[in-house]
Amino acid sequence: MKEWNVYRRRRRAARIWFVIMIPMLFGLMFVSAWLELPFWASGALFIAICMVWGVLNLRWVYFPCPRCGRPLHGTWCYVNTVAGRCIHCGLRLYEEIQSTRSGGA
């Protein structure tokens, strides 16, 4: 299903960025010391790198459920990314949605 492909892409992007972010931050620390960058410049780069991960993570966590349209993994005060189903309607991850339309004309 197309919706689940988008979900997989968002989840993958958040996870890959997190794995890449850790060495990038250590590299930023060493490069900023080597180039003698001012503290505000390295701090701004650090914040930008973390904000990119935050945005990617929010896009994954608040992916709309294909059945009910509400965020799949959470609400404004509760997030559960390991549940394996929508916390609102119970749709399992990657489950096909049953069509409720009748075939008659």
Protein backbone atom coordinates (compact mmCIF):
# COMPACT_ATOMS: atom_id res chain seq x y z
CA MET A 1 0.00 0.00 0.00
CA LYS A 2 1.22 3.47 -0.85
CA GLU A 3 0.61 4.86 2.65
CA TRP A 4 2.80 2.23 4.26
CA ASN A 5 5.61 2.94 1.78
CA VAL A 6 5.56 6.58 2.89
CA TYR A 7 5.60 5.41 6.53
CA ARG A 8 8.60 3.15 5.89
CA ARG A 9 10.44 5.97 4.14
CA ARG A 10 9.84 8.38 7.04
CA ARG A 11 10.87 5.81 9.66
CA ARG A 12 14.00 4.91 7.70
CA ALA A 13 14.96 8.58 7.25
CA ALA A 14 14.63 9.28 10.99
CA ARG A 15 16.66 6.22 11.95
CA ILE A 16 19.41 6.76 9.37
CA TRP A 17 19.77 10.43 10.29
CA PHE A 18 20.09 9.47 13.97
CA VAL A 19 22.85 6.97 13.16
CA ILE A 20 24.64 9.52 10.97
CA MET A 21 24.06 12.38 13.41
CA ILE A 22 26.26 10.96 16.19
CA PRO A 23 29.51 10.83 14.15
CA MET A 24 28.61 14.18 12.57
CA LEU A 25 28.41 15.81 16.01
CA PHE A 26 31.75 14.33 17.06
CA GLY A 27 33.24 15.44 13.75
CA LEU A 28 31.81 18.92 14.27
CA MET A 29 33.46 19.03 17.67
CA PHE A 30 36.90 18.18 16.27
CA VAL A 31 36.62 20.34 13.14
CA SER A 32 35.42 23.36 15.10
CA ALA A 33 38.40 22.99 17.45
CA TRP A 34 40.81 22.51 14.53
CA LEU A 35 39.46 25.51 12.60
CA GLU A 36 39.08 27.50 15.81
CA LEU A 37 35.46 28.34 15.02
CA PRO A 38 33.74 30.63 17.47
CA PHE A 39 31.46 28.96 19.96
CA TRP A 40 28.29 30.45 18.46
CA ALA A 41 29.09 29.01 15.00
CA SER A 42 29.66 25.46 16.21
CA GLY A 43 26.64 25.80 18.50
CA ALA A 44 24.46 26.91 15.60
CA LEU A 45 25.61 23.92 13.51
CA PHE A 46 24.94 21.59 16.43
CA ILE A 47 21.42 22.97 16.85
CA ALA A 48 20.74 22.73 13.10
CA ILE A 49 21.86 19.09 12.96
CA CYS A 50 19.67 18.19 15.95
CA MET A 51 16.70 20.09 14.56
CA VAL A 52 16.84 18.13 11.30
CA TRP A 53 16.63 14.90 13.29
CA GLY A 54 13.78 16.33 15.37
CA VAL A 55 11.75 17.21 12.29
CA LEU A 56 12.37 13.81 10.70
CA ASN A 57 11.39 12.07 13.93
CA LEU A 58 8.18 14.11 14.31
CA ARG A 59 7.19 13.31 10.72
CA TRP A 60 7.59 9.60 11.51
CA VAL A 61 5.88 9.61 14.93
CA TYR A 62 2.92 11.71 13.80
CA PHE A 63 2.35 9.86 10.52
CA PRO A 64 -1.43 9.77 9.92
CA CYS A 65 -3.08 6.39 10.31
CA PRO A 66 -4.46 5.18 6.95
CA ARG A 67 -7.71 4.08 8.63
CA CYS A 68 -8.63 6.85 11.10
CA GLY A 69 -6.37 9.69 9.94
CA ARG A 70 -5.10 10.44 13.45
CA PRO A 71 -1.38 10.22 14.35
CA LEU A 72 -0.33 6.58 14.25
CA HIS A 73 2.05 6.55 17.22
CA GLY A 74 0.90 9.31 19.48
CA THR A 75 -1.03 12.28 20.69
CA TRP A 76 0.26 15.61 21.87
CA CYS A 77 1.21 14.15 25.28
CA TYR A 78 1.72 10.42 24.58
CA VAL A 79 4.00 8.65 22.09
CA ASN A 80 4.50 4.89 21.69
CA THR A 81 6.57 3.92 18.65
CA VAL A 82 6.97 0.27 19.67
CA ALA A 83 3.25 -0.56 19.91
CA GLY A 84 3.02 -1.94 16.37
CA ARG A 85 -0.49 -0.56 15.90
CA CYS A 86 -2.42 2.70 15.82
CA ILE A 87 -3.07 3.83 19.38
CA HIS A 88 -6.47 5.21 18.33
CA CYS A 89 -8.15 2.59 16.12
CA GLY A 90 -5.90 -0.46 16.58
CA LEU A 91 -4.81 -0.82 12.92
CA ARG A 92 -1.68 -2.96 12.87
CA LEU A 93 1.37 -1.71 11.03
CA TYR A 94 1.32 -2.67 7.34
CA GLU A 95 -2.21 -4.12 7.61
CA GLU A 96 -4.44 -3.76 4.58
CA ILE A 97 -7.50 -1.59 5.12
CA GLN A 98 -10.78 -3.34 4.44
CA SER A 99 -12.92 -1.42 2.00
CA THR A 100 -16.41 -0.61 3.33
CA ARG A 101 -17.82 0.30 -0.08
CA SER A 102 -20.39 -2.02 -1.56
CA GLY A 103 -19.79 -3.38 -5.02
CA GLY A 104 -23.39 -3.04 -6.20
CA ALA A 105 -24.60 -0.29 -8.49
